Amino acid sequence: MPPSKLQQRTLTALILLPVPVAAVLLLPTEYLALCLGLILLLAAWEWAALSGLASVAGRFAYTALLAVCLMALWHLLPHEWFLYLTEALVVFWCAVTLFLLRVRAIERKSGKDLPTALAGLAVLIGPWVAIIQLHTYPSVGPYLVLLLLALIWTADILAYFAGRRWGRAKLAPRLSPGKTRAGAYGAFGGAALYGLVSGGIMALPILHLVLMVALCILVVLASIIGDLFESFVKRRRDLKDSGYLLPGHGGLLDRIDSLTAAAPLFTLGFSWLEAHL
């Protein structure tokens, strides 16, 4: 009897989980940037297909373009300016949110789609910039990255099980028929609890604890927006998954879509909290 999708998802997650944790904790920032960049290049290969660049040459060119962008940011942009880029990426995701709210029907798209290709660069650069910026915080940087990753993982797990158990009403049926309001509520509840526990461990005063909880909820909301935007792009191509790299999960994009929007907001929000502590 073949394993169920849940069993496949669980097995894949258990195998892959130690890899990002070890990389975040053990690697210096420059090597983490390289490893994360390689992962995003694989995601770029998938996004190229979603943008209508179906040929091998087209997908390779798009992947190479992202590689050039990441190298230029690392070598040419002063790292203290990463915060300004993060702010611009948060504005980008606010614009995406407004766009998704206006979607009434999804028109199937064929051929090359330049706006989607350009948007993909912002989608993929965002988590790289945000995570590198977090990782450079003196002494606590790696733990901040793990704080972000664990928040997203917690929200995803609770959304999945709450949606399976109580999911009836759809969250955004035009964009993603599988998402339910119960799943979103489960994610928000998990984010609030996560914020309370994390803030308690950090011994935050009550006002900052409240702000930490609010930030976690907003970051999870952003993760849902990232997920819905990728779903929108896939549905325009009449695809269920972005690829087949990860058994039970689909493509690599299907695993990092939540992080694409959540990471910039978490980094920006934490920098604001840190400045006011």
C-alpha atoms as a PDB file:
ATOM      1  CA  MET A   1       0.000   0.000   0.000  1.00  0.00           C
ATOM      2  CA  PRO A   2       1.576   3.320  -1.085  1.00  0.00           C
ATOM      3  CA  PRO A   3       2.106   5.964   1.612  1.00  0.00           C
ATOM      4  CA  SER A   4      -0.526   8.663   1.963  1.00  0.00           C
ATOM      5  CA  LYS A   5       0.243  12.273   1.091  1.00  0.00           C
ATOM      6  CA  LEU A   6       0.403  13.111   4.810  1.00  0.00           C
ATOM      7  CA  GLN A   7       2.902  10.300   5.370  1.00  0.00           C
ATOM      8  CA  GLN A   8       4.983  11.506   2.419  1.00  0.00           C
ATOM      9  CA  ARG A   9       4.897  15.093   3.719  1.00  0.00           C
ATOM     10  CA  THR A  10       5.908  13.989   7.206  1.00  0.00           C
ATOM     11  CA  LEU A  11       8.758  11.773   6.008  1.00  0.00           C
ATOM     12  CA  THR A  12      10.111  14.459   3.683  1.00  0.00           C
ATOM     13  CA  ALA A  13       9.927  17.076   6.451  1.00  0.00           C
ATOM     14  CA  LEU A  14      11.706  14.823   8.959  1.00  0.00           C
ATOM     15  CA  ILE A  15      14.512  14.120   6.485  1.00  0.00           C
ATOM     16  CA  LEU A  16      14.975  17.762   5.472  1.00  0.00           C
ATOM     17  CA  LEU A  17      14.412  19.481   8.836  1.00  0.00           C
ATOM     18  CA  PRO A  18      17.930  18.987  10.269  1.00  0.00           C
ATOM     19  CA  VAL A  19      19.528  20.527   7.167  1.00  0.00           C
ATOM     20  CA  PRO A  20      18.287  24.141   7.519  1.00  0.00           C
ATOM     21  CA  VAL A  21      18.663  24.033  11.306  1.00  0.00           C
ATOM     22  CA  ALA A  22      22.294  22.919  11.051  1.00  0.00           C
ATOM     23  CA  ALA A  23      23.034  25.415   8.278  1.00  0.00           C
ATOM     24  CA  VAL A  24      21.589  28.340  10.234  1.00  0.00           C
ATOM     25  CA  LEU A  25      23.387  27.455  13.460  1.00  0.00           C
ATOM     26  CA  LEU A  26      26.745  26.298  12.128  1.00  0.00           C
ATOM     27  CA  LEU A  27      27.512  28.219   8.954  1.00  0.00           C
ATOM     28  CA  PRO A  28      28.948  31.734   8.836  1.00  0.00           C
ATOM     29  CA  THR A  29      26.668  34.245   7.147  1.00  0.00           C
ATOM     30  CA  GLU A  30      28.528  34.210   3.812  1.00  0.00           C
ATOM     31  CA  TYR A  31      28.190  30.429   3.494  1.00  0.00           C
ATOM     32  CA  LEU A  32      24.564  30.537   4.587  1.00  0.00           C
ATOM     33  CA  ALA A  33      23.977  33.170   1.897  1.00  0.00           C
ATOM     34  CA  LEU A  34      25.514  30.834  -0.669  1.00  0.00           C
ATOM     35  CA  CYS A  35      23.450  27.811   0.418  1.00  0.00           C
ATOM     36  CA  LEU A  36      20.227  29.799   0.551  1.00  0.00           C
ATOM     37  CA  GLY A  37      21.048  31.288  -2.840  1.00  0.00           C
ATOM     38  CA  LEU A  38      21.423  27.819  -4.350  1.00  0.00           C
ATOM     39  CA  ILE A  39      18.022  26.823  -2.972  1.00  0.00           C
ATOM     40  CA  LEU A  40      16.468  29.947  -4.454  1.00  0.00           C
ATOM     41  CA  LEU A  41      18.057  29.196  -7.821  1.00  0.00           C
ATOM     42  CA  LEU A  42      16.199  25.884  -7.838  1.00  0.00           C
ATOM     43  CA  ALA A  43      13.022  27.800  -6.986  1.00  0.00           C
ATOM     44  CA  ALA A  44      13.801  30.233  -9.827  1.00  0.00           C
ATOM     45  CA  TRP A  45      13.922  27.291 -12.241  1.00  0.00           C
ATOM     46  CA  GLU A  46      10.339  26.467 -11.189  1.00  0.00           C
ATOM     47  CA  TRP A  47       9.188  30.104 -11.279  1.00  0.00           C
ATOM     48  CA  ALA A  48      10.541  30.451 -14.811  1.00  0.00           C
ATOM     49  CA  ALA A  49       8.137  27.742 -15.950  1.00  0.00           C
ATOM     50  CA  LEU A  50       5.258  29.491 -14.157  1.00  0.00           C
ATOM     51  CA  SER A  51       6.232  32.648 -16.067  1.00  0.00           C
ATOM     52  CA  GLY A  52       5.907  30.889 -19.407  1.00  0.00           C
ATOM     53  CA  LEU A  53       9.615  30.320 -19.932  1.00  0.00           C
ATOM     54  CA  ALA A  54       9.075  26.686 -20.748  1.00  0.00           C
ATOM     55  CA  SER A  55      12.267  25.951 -22.708  1.00  0.00           C
ATOM     56  CA  VAL A  56      15.433  24.824 -20.983  1.00  0.00           C
ATOM     57  CA  ALA A  57      17.236  27.885 -22.348  1.00  0.00           C
ATOM     58  CA  GLY A  58      14.563  30.232 -21.018  1.00  0.00           C
ATOM     59  CA  ARG A  59      14.546  28.663 -17.581  1.00  0.00           C
ATOM     60  CA  PHE A  60      18.338  28.651 -17.441  1.00  0.00           C
ATOM     61  CA  ALA A  61      18.470  32.335 -18.426  1.00  0.00           C
ATOM     62  CA  TYR A  62      15.959  33.271 -15.732  1.00  0.00           C
ATOM     63  CA  THR A  63      17.849  31.270 -13.106  1.00  0.00           C
ATOM     64  CA  ALA A  64      21.109  32.918 -14.185  1.00  0.00           C
ATOM     65  CA  LEU A  65      19.465  36.343 -13.907  1.00  0.00           C
ATOM     66  CA  LEU A  66      18.524  35.662 -10.288  1.00  0.00           C
ATOM     67  CA  ALA A  67      22.062  34.458  -9.591  1.00  0.00           C
ATOM     68  CA  VAL A  68      23.444  37.725 -10.991  1.00  0.00           C
ATOM     69  CA  CYS A  69      21.006  39.729  -8.852  1.00  0.00           C
ATOM     70  CA  LEU A  70      22.009  37.904  -5.673  1.00  0.00           C
ATOM     71  CA  MET A  71      25.726  38.277  -6.381  1.00  0.00           C
ATOM     72  CA  ALA A  72      25.283  41.969  -7.152  1.00  0.00           C
ATOM     73  CA  LEU A  73      23.395  42.522  -3.912  1.00  0.00           C
ATOM     74  CA  TRP A  74      26.073  40.710  -1.901  1.00  0.00           C
ATOM     75  CA  HIS A  75      29.093  42.358  -3.481  1.00  0.00           C
ATOM     76  CA  LEU A  76      27.816  45.804  -4.508  1.00  0.00           C
ATOM     77  CA  LEU A  77      25.138  46.787  -2.012  1.00  0.00           C
ATOM     78  CA  PRO A  78      26.390  47.787   1.467  1.00  0.00           C
ATOM     79  CA  HIS A  79      24.844  45.309   3.892  1.00  0.00           C
ATOM     80  CA  GLU A  80      23.540  48.107   6.093  1.00  0.00           C
ATOM     81  CA  TRP A  81      21.306  49.020   3.146  1.00  0.00           C
ATOM     82  CA  PHE A  82      19.622  45.612   3.251  1.00  0.00           C
ATOM     83  CA  LEU A  83      17.083  47.104   5.664  1.00  0.00           C
ATOM     84  CA  TYR A  84      15.994  49.635   3.027  1.00  0.00           C
ATOM     85  CA  LEU A  85      15.615  46.851   0.496  1.00  0.00           C
ATOM     86  CA  THR A  86      13.582  44.898   3.047  1.00  0.00           C
ATOM     87  CA  GLU A  87      11.273  47.900   3.453  1.00  0.00           C
ATOM     88  CA  ALA A  88      10.801  48.029  -0.326  1.00  0.00           C
ATOM     89  CA  LEU A  89       9.980  44.313  -0.364  1.00  0.00           C
ATOM     90  CA  VAL A  90       7.345  44.774   2.350  1.00  0.00           C
ATOM     91  CA  VAL A  91       5.784  47.515   0.184  1.00  0.00           C
ATOM     92  CA  PHE A  92       5.856  45.080  -2.751  1.00  0.00           C
ATOM     93  CA  TRP A  93       3.931  42.511  -0.710  1.00  0.00           C
ATOM     94  CA  CYS A  94       1.407  45.138   0.358  1.00  0.00           C
ATOM     95  CA  ALA A  95       0.807  45.821  -3.346  1.00  0.00           C
ATOM     96  CA  VAL A  96       0.453  42.078  -3.983  1.00  0.00           C
ATOM     97  CA  THR A  97      -2.121  41.876  -1.181  1.00  0.00           C
ATOM     98  CA  LEU A  98      -4.190  44.668  -2.741  1.00  0.00           C
ATOM     99  CA  PHE A  99      -3.914  42.940  -6.116  1.00  0.00           C
ATOM    100  CA  LEU A 100      -5.129  39.614  -4.727  1.00  0.00           C
ATOM    101  CA  LEU A 101      -8.079  41.321  -3.017  1.00  0.00           C
ATOM    102  CA  ARG A 102      -9.161  42.633  -6.422  1.00  0.00           C
ATOM    103  CA  VAL A 103      -9.024  39.258  -8.176  1.00  0.00           C
ATOM    104  CA  ARG A 104     -12.502  38.176  -9.232  1.00  0.00           C
ATOM    105  CA  ALA A 105     -11.600  35.513 -11.777  1.00  0.00           C
ATOM    106  CA  ILE A 106      -8.363  33.907 -12.901  1.00  0.00           C
ATOM    107  CA  GLU A 107      -7.728  34.015 -16.606  1.00  0.00           C
ATOM    108  CA  ARG A 108      -5.639  31.136 -17.898  1.00  0.00           C
ATOM    109  CA  LYS A 109      -2.317  32.364 -19.243  1.00  0.00           C
ATOM    110  CA  SER A 110      -0.226  30.875 -22.027  1.00  0.00           C
ATOM    111  CA  GLY A 111       3.063  32.058 -23.429  1.00  0.00           C
ATOM    112  CA  LYS A 112       5.616  34.301 -21.778  1.00  0.00           C
ATOM    113  CA  ASP A 113       4.430  36.491 -18.892  1.00  0.00           C
ATOM    114  CA  LEU A 114       6.925  39.297 -18.215  1.00  0.00           C
ATOM    115  CA  PRO A 115       5.101  40.830 -15.189  1.00  0.00           C
ATOM    116  CA  THR A 116       5.077  37.439 -13.437  1.00  0.00           C
ATOM    117  CA  ALA A 117       8.754  36.909 -14.261  1.00  0.00           C
ATOM    118  CA  LEU A 118       9.674  40.316 -12.814  1.00  0.00           C
ATOM    119  CA  ALA A 119       7.510  39.759  -9.742  1.00  0.00           C
ATOM    120  CA  GLY A 120       9.300  36.448  -9.241  1.00  0.00           C
ATOM    121  CA  LEU A 121      12.613  38.238  -8.784  1.00  0.00           C
ATOM    122  CA  ALA A 122      11.171  40.214  -5.861  1.00  0.00           C
ATOM    123  CA  VAL A 123       9.493  37.081  -4.481  1.00  0.00           C
ATOM    124  CA  LEU A 124      12.745  35.110  -4.492  1.00  0.00           C
ATOM    125  CA  ILE A 125      15.148  37.883  -3.480  1.00  0.00           C
ATOM    126  CA  GLY A 126      12.992  38.764  -0.452  1.00  0.00           C
ATOM    127  CA  PRO A 127      13.709  35.787   1.818  1.00  0.00           C
ATOM    128  CA  TRP A 128      17.417  35.856   0.916  1.00  0.00           C
ATOM    129  CA  VAL A 129      17.831  39.509   1.897  1.00  0.00           C
ATOM    130  CA  ALA A 130      15.720  39.157   5.039  1.00  0.00           C
ATOM    131  CA  ILE A 131      17.358  35.998   6.355  1.00  0.00           C
ATOM    132  CA  ILE A 132      20.884  37.264   5.690  1.00  0.00           C
ATOM    133  CA  GLN A 133      20.037  40.481   7.520  1.00  0.00           C
ATOM    134  CA  LEU A 134      18.671  38.548  10.499  1.00  0.00           C
ATOM    135  CA  HIS A 135      21.658  36.221  10.567  1.00  0.00           C
ATOM    136  CA  THR A 136      24.088  39.125  10.936  1.00  0.00           C
ATOM    137  CA  TYR A 137      22.642  40.289  14.271  1.00  0.00           C
ATOM    138  CA  PRO A 138      25.505  39.988  16.787  1.00  0.00           C
ATOM    139  CA  SER A 139      25.427  36.745  18.827  1.00  0.00           C
ATOM    140  CA  VAL A 140      21.656  36.142  18.396  1.00  0.00           C
ATOM    141  CA  GLY A 141      21.387  36.219  14.600  1.00  0.00           C
ATOM    142  CA  PRO A 142      21.149  32.456  13.961  1.00  0.00           C
ATOM    143  CA  TYR A 143      18.527  32.102  16.700  1.00  0.00           C
ATOM    144  CA  LEU A 144      16.437  34.886  15.132  1.00  0.00           C
ATOM    145  CA  VAL A 145      16.455  32.992  11.840  1.00  0.00           C
ATOM    146  CA  LEU A 146      15.341  29.836  13.645  1.00  0.00           C
ATOM    147  CA  LEU A 147      12.669  31.883  15.419  1.00  0.00           C
ATOM    148  CA  LEU A 148      11.300  32.911  12.016  1.00  0.00           C
ATOM    149  CA  LEU A 149      11.491  29.421  10.518  1.00  0.00           C
ATOM    150  CA  ALA A 150       9.866  27.795  13.553  1.00  0.00           C
ATOM    151  CA  LEU A 151       7.045  30.353  13.438  1.00  0.00           C
ATOM    152  CA  ILE A 152       6.294  29.521   9.800  1.00  0.00           C
ATOM    153  CA  TRP A 153       6.532  25.778  10.420  1.00  0.00           C
ATOM    154  CA  THR A 154       4.236  26.008  13.456  1.00  0.00           C
ATOM    155  CA  ALA A 155       1.646  28.025  11.540  1.00  0.00           C
ATOM    156  CA  ASP A 156       1.782  25.654   8.551  1.00  0.00           C
ATOM    157  CA  ILE A 157       1.309  22.562  10.710  1.00  0.00           C
ATOM    158  CA  LEU A 158      -1.590  24.016  12.707  1.00  0.00           C
ATOM    159  CA  ALA A 159      -3.238  25.373   9.548  1.00  0.00           C
ATOM    160  CA  TYR A 160      -3.007  21.946   7.933  1.00  0.00           C
ATOM    161  CA  PHE A 161      -4.564  20.030  10.814  1.00  0.00           C
ATOM    162  CA  ALA A 162      -7.167  22.689  11.691  1.00  0.00           C
ATOM    163  CA  GLY A 163      -8.198  22.808   8.046  1.00  0.00           C
ATOM    164  CA  ARG A 164      -8.526  19.025   7.854  1.00  0.00           C
ATOM    165  CA  ARG A 165     -10.498  18.827  11.096  1.00  0.00           C
ATOM    166  CA  TRP A 166     -12.816  21.833  10.891  1.00  0.00           C
ATOM    167  CA  GLY A 167     -12.347  23.227   7.408  1.00  0.00           C
ATOM    168  CA  ARG A 168     -15.649  23.932   5.700  1.00  0.00           C
ATOM    169  CA  ALA A 169     -15.706  27.528   4.516  1.00  0.00           C
ATOM    170  CA  LYS A 170     -13.082  28.333   1.922  1.00  0.00           C
ATOM    171  CA  LEU A 171     -10.631  31.132   2.601  1.00  0.00           C
ATOM    172  CA  ALA A 172     -10.056  32.256  -0.996  1.00  0.00           C
ATOM    173  CA  PRO A 173     -11.710  29.761  -3.363  1.00  0.00           C
ATOM    174  CA  ARG A 174     -10.741  31.666  -6.511  1.00  0.00           C
ATOM    175  CA  LEU A 175      -7.082  31.624  -5.571  1.00  0.00           C
ATOM    176  CA  SER A 176      -6.638  28.378  -3.657  1.00  0.00           C
ATOM    177  CA  PRO A 177      -9.592  25.995  -3.227  1.00  0.00           C
ATOM    178  CA  GLY A 178      -7.720  23.976  -0.605  1.00  0.00           C
ATOM    179  CA  LYS A 179      -7.286  26.845   1.870  1.00  0.00           C
ATOM    180  CA  THR A 180      -9.963  27.147   4.560  1.00  0.00           C
ATOM    181  CA  ARG A 181     -10.837  29.789   7.112  1.00  0.00           C
ATOM    182  CA  ALA A 182     -10.446  27.225   9.894  1.00  0.00           C
ATOM    183  CA  GLY A 183      -6.893  26.595   8.699  1.00  0.00           C
ATOM    184  CA  ALA A 184      -6.156  30.333   8.798  1.00  0.00           C
ATOM    185  CA  TYR A 185      -7.623  30.625  12.299  1.00  0.00           C
ATOM    186  CA  GLY A 186      -5.479  27.700  13.430  1.00  0.00           C
ATOM    187  CA  ALA A 187      -2.399  29.420  12.005  1.00  0.00           C
ATOM    188  CA  PHE A 188      -3.240  32.714  13.717  1.00  0.00           C
ATOM    189  CA  GLY A 189      -3.888  30.972  17.033  1.00  0.00           C
ATOM    190  CA  GLY A 190      -0.588  29.158  16.761  1.00  0.00           C
ATOM    191  CA  ALA A 191       1.174  32.442  15.929  1.00  0.00           C
ATOM    192  CA  ALA A 192      -0.303  34.140  18.992  1.00  0.00           C
ATOM    193  CA  LEU A 193       0.734  31.283  21.282  1.00  0.00           C
ATOM    194  CA  TYR A 194       4.166  31.181  19.654  1.00  0.00           C
ATOM    195  CA  GLY A 195       4.601  34.908  20.223  1.00  0.00           C
ATOM    196  CA  LEU A 196       3.635  34.575  23.872  1.00  0.00           C
ATOM    197  CA  VAL A 197       6.042  31.722  24.497  1.00  0.00           C
ATOM    198  CA  SER A 198       8.889  33.368  22.569  1.00  0.00           C
ATOM    199  CA  GLY A 199       8.366  36.704  24.274  1.00  0.00           C
ATOM    200  CA  GLY A 200       8.223  34.990  27.654  1.00  0.00           C
ATOM    201  CA  ILE A 201      11.511  33.205  27.001  1.00  0.00           C
ATOM    202  CA  MET A 202      13.077  36.541  26.040  1.00  0.00           C
ATOM    203  CA  ALA A 203      11.609  38.102  29.215  1.00  0.00           C
ATOM    204  CA  LEU A 204      10.001  40.943  27.279  1.00  0.00           C
ATOM    205  CA  PRO A 205       8.062  43.582  29.228  1.00  0.00           C
ATOM    206  CA  ILE A 206       4.292  43.427  28.768  1.00  0.00           C
ATOM    207  CA  LEU A 207       4.053  46.080  26.033  1.00  0.00           C
ATOM    208  CA  HIS A 208       6.785  44.497  23.971  1.00  0.00           C
ATOM    209  CA  LEU A 209       5.263  41.076  24.579  1.00  0.00           C
ATOM    210  CA  VAL A 210       2.000  42.322  23.084  1.00  0.00           C
ATOM    211  CA  LEU A 211       3.921  43.748  20.130  1.00  0.00           C
ATOM    212  CA  MET A 212       5.741  40.448  19.674  1.00  0.00           C
ATOM    213  CA  VAL A 213       2.440  38.570  19.547  1.00  0.00           C
ATOM    214  CA  ALA A 214       1.060  41.103  17.041  1.00  0.00           C
ATOM    215  CA  LEU A 215       4.187  40.745  14.898  1.00  0.00           C
ATOM    216  CA  CYS A 216       3.893  36.953  14.843  1.00  0.00           C
ATOM    217  CA  ILE A 217       0.243  37.171  13.771  1.00  0.00           C
ATOM    218  CA  LEU A 218       1.075  39.686  11.020  1.00  0.00           C
ATOM    219  CA  VAL A 219       3.970  37.548   9.815  1.00  0.00           C
ATOM    220  CA  VAL A 220       1.680  34.521   9.551  1.00  0.00           C
ATOM    221  CA  LEU A 221      -0.833  36.657   7.660  1.00  0.00           C
ATOM    222  CA  ALA A 222       1.996  37.582   5.281  1.00  0.00           C
ATOM    223  CA  SER A 223       2.879  33.895   4.932  1.00  0.00           C
ATOM    224  CA  ILE A 224      -0.698  33.207   3.813  1.00  0.00           C
ATOM    225  CA  ILE A 225      -0.442  36.033   1.267  1.00  0.00           C
ATOM    226  CA  GLY A 226       2.768  34.511  -0.098  1.00  0.00           C
ATOM    227  CA  ASP A 227       1.068  31.134  -0.357  1.00  0.00           C
ATOM    228  CA  LEU A 228      -1.987  32.608  -2.105  1.00  0.00           C
ATOM    229  CA  PHE A 229       0.129  34.553  -4.579  1.00  0.00           C
ATOM    230  CA  GLU A 230       1.980  31.433  -5.656  1.00  0.00           C
ATOM    231  CA  SER A 231      -1.359  29.626  -5.911  1.00  0.00           C
ATOM    232  CA  PHE A 232      -2.639  32.435  -8.139  1.00  0.00           C
ATOM    233  CA  VAL A 233       0.387  32.134 -10.428  1.00  0.00           C
ATOM    234  CA  LYS A 234       0.032  28.333 -10.592  1.00  0.00           C
ATOM    235  CA  ARG A 235      -3.690  28.497 -11.358  1.00  0.00           C
ATOM    236  CA  ARG A 236      -3.016  30.862 -14.256  1.00  0.00           C
ATOM    237  CA  ARG A 237      -0.940  28.021 -15.695  1.00  0.00           C
ATOM    238  CA  ASP A 238      -3.507  25.404 -14.648  1.00  0.00           C
ATOM    239  CA  LEU A 239      -0.975  23.687 -12.382  1.00  0.00           C
ATOM    240  CA  LYS A 240      -1.465  22.178  -8.943  1.00  0.00           C
ATOM    241  CA  ASP A 241       2.208  22.078  -7.925  1.00  0.00           C
ATOM    242  CA  SER A 242       5.206  24.135  -9.002  1.00  0.00           C
ATOM    243  CA  GLY A 243       7.255  20.955  -9.473  1.00  0.00           C
ATOM    244  CA  TYR A 244       7.878  17.439  -8.206  1.00  0.00           C
ATOM    245  CA  LEU A 245      11.143  17.790  -6.318  1.00  0.00           C
ATOM    246  CA  LEU A 246       9.777  17.046  -2.825  1.00  0.00           C
ATOM    247  CA  PRO A 247       7.489  13.993  -2.408  1.00  0.00           C
ATOM    248  CA  GLY A 248       4.185  14.951  -0.797  1.00  0.00           C
ATOM    249  CA  HIS A 249       4.999  18.656  -1.017  1.00  0.00           C
ATOM    250  CA  GLY A 250       5.244  19.317  -4.748  1.00  0.00           C
ATOM    251  CA  GLY A 251       7.968  21.658  -5.891  1.00  0.00           C
ATOM    252  CA  LEU A 252      10.453  23.691  -3.918  1.00  0.00           C
ATOM    253  CA  LEU A 253       8.345  26.820  -4.382  1.00  0.00           C
ATOM    254  CA  ASP A 254       5.460  25.027  -2.710  1.00  0.00           C
ATOM    255  CA  ARG A 255       7.616  24.712   0.425  1.00  0.00           C
ATOM    256  CA  ILE A 256       9.037  28.235   0.580  1.00  0.00           C
ATOM    257  CA  ASP A 257       6.050  30.264  -0.687  1.00  0.00           C
ATOM    258  CA  SER A 258       5.028  31.163   2.877  1.00  0.00           C
ATOM    259  CA  LEU A 259       8.546  32.339   3.670  1.00  0.00           C
ATOM    260  CA  THR A 260       8.797  34.617   0.630  1.00  0.00           C
ATOM    261  CA  ALA A 261       6.410  37.193   2.084  1.00  0.00           C
ATOM    262  CA  ALA A 262       6.863  36.410   5.779  1.00  0.00           C
ATOM    263  CA  ALA A 263      10.646  36.815   6.007  1.00  0.00           C
ATOM    264  CA  PRO A 264      10.844  40.499   4.966  1.00  0.00           C
ATOM    265  CA  LEU A 265       8.021  41.489   7.324  1.00  0.00           C
ATOM    266  CA  PHE A 266       9.514  39.552  10.246  1.00  0.00           C
ATOM    267  CA  THR A 267      12.930  41.124   9.698  1.00  0.00           C
ATOM    268  CA  LEU A 268      11.518  44.623   9.384  1.00  0.00           C
ATOM    269  CA  GLY A 269       9.235  44.147  12.387  1.00  0.00           C
ATOM    270  CA  PHE A 270      11.983  42.731  14.576  1.00  0.00           C
ATOM    271  CA  SER A 271      14.365  45.544  13.630  1.00  0.00           C
ATOM    272  CA  TRP A 272      11.693  48.005  14.736  1.00  0.00           C
ATOM    273  CA  LEU A 273      11.141  46.123  18.015  1.00  0.00           C
ATOM    274  CA  GLU A 274      14.871  45.910  18.624  1.00  0.00           C
ATOM    275  CA  ALA A 275      15.254  49.656  18.048  1.00  0.00           C
ATOM    276  CA  HIS A 276      12.532  50.407  20.613  1.00  0.00           C
ATOM    277  CA  LEU A 277      13.478  47.887  23.312  1.00  0.00           C
END
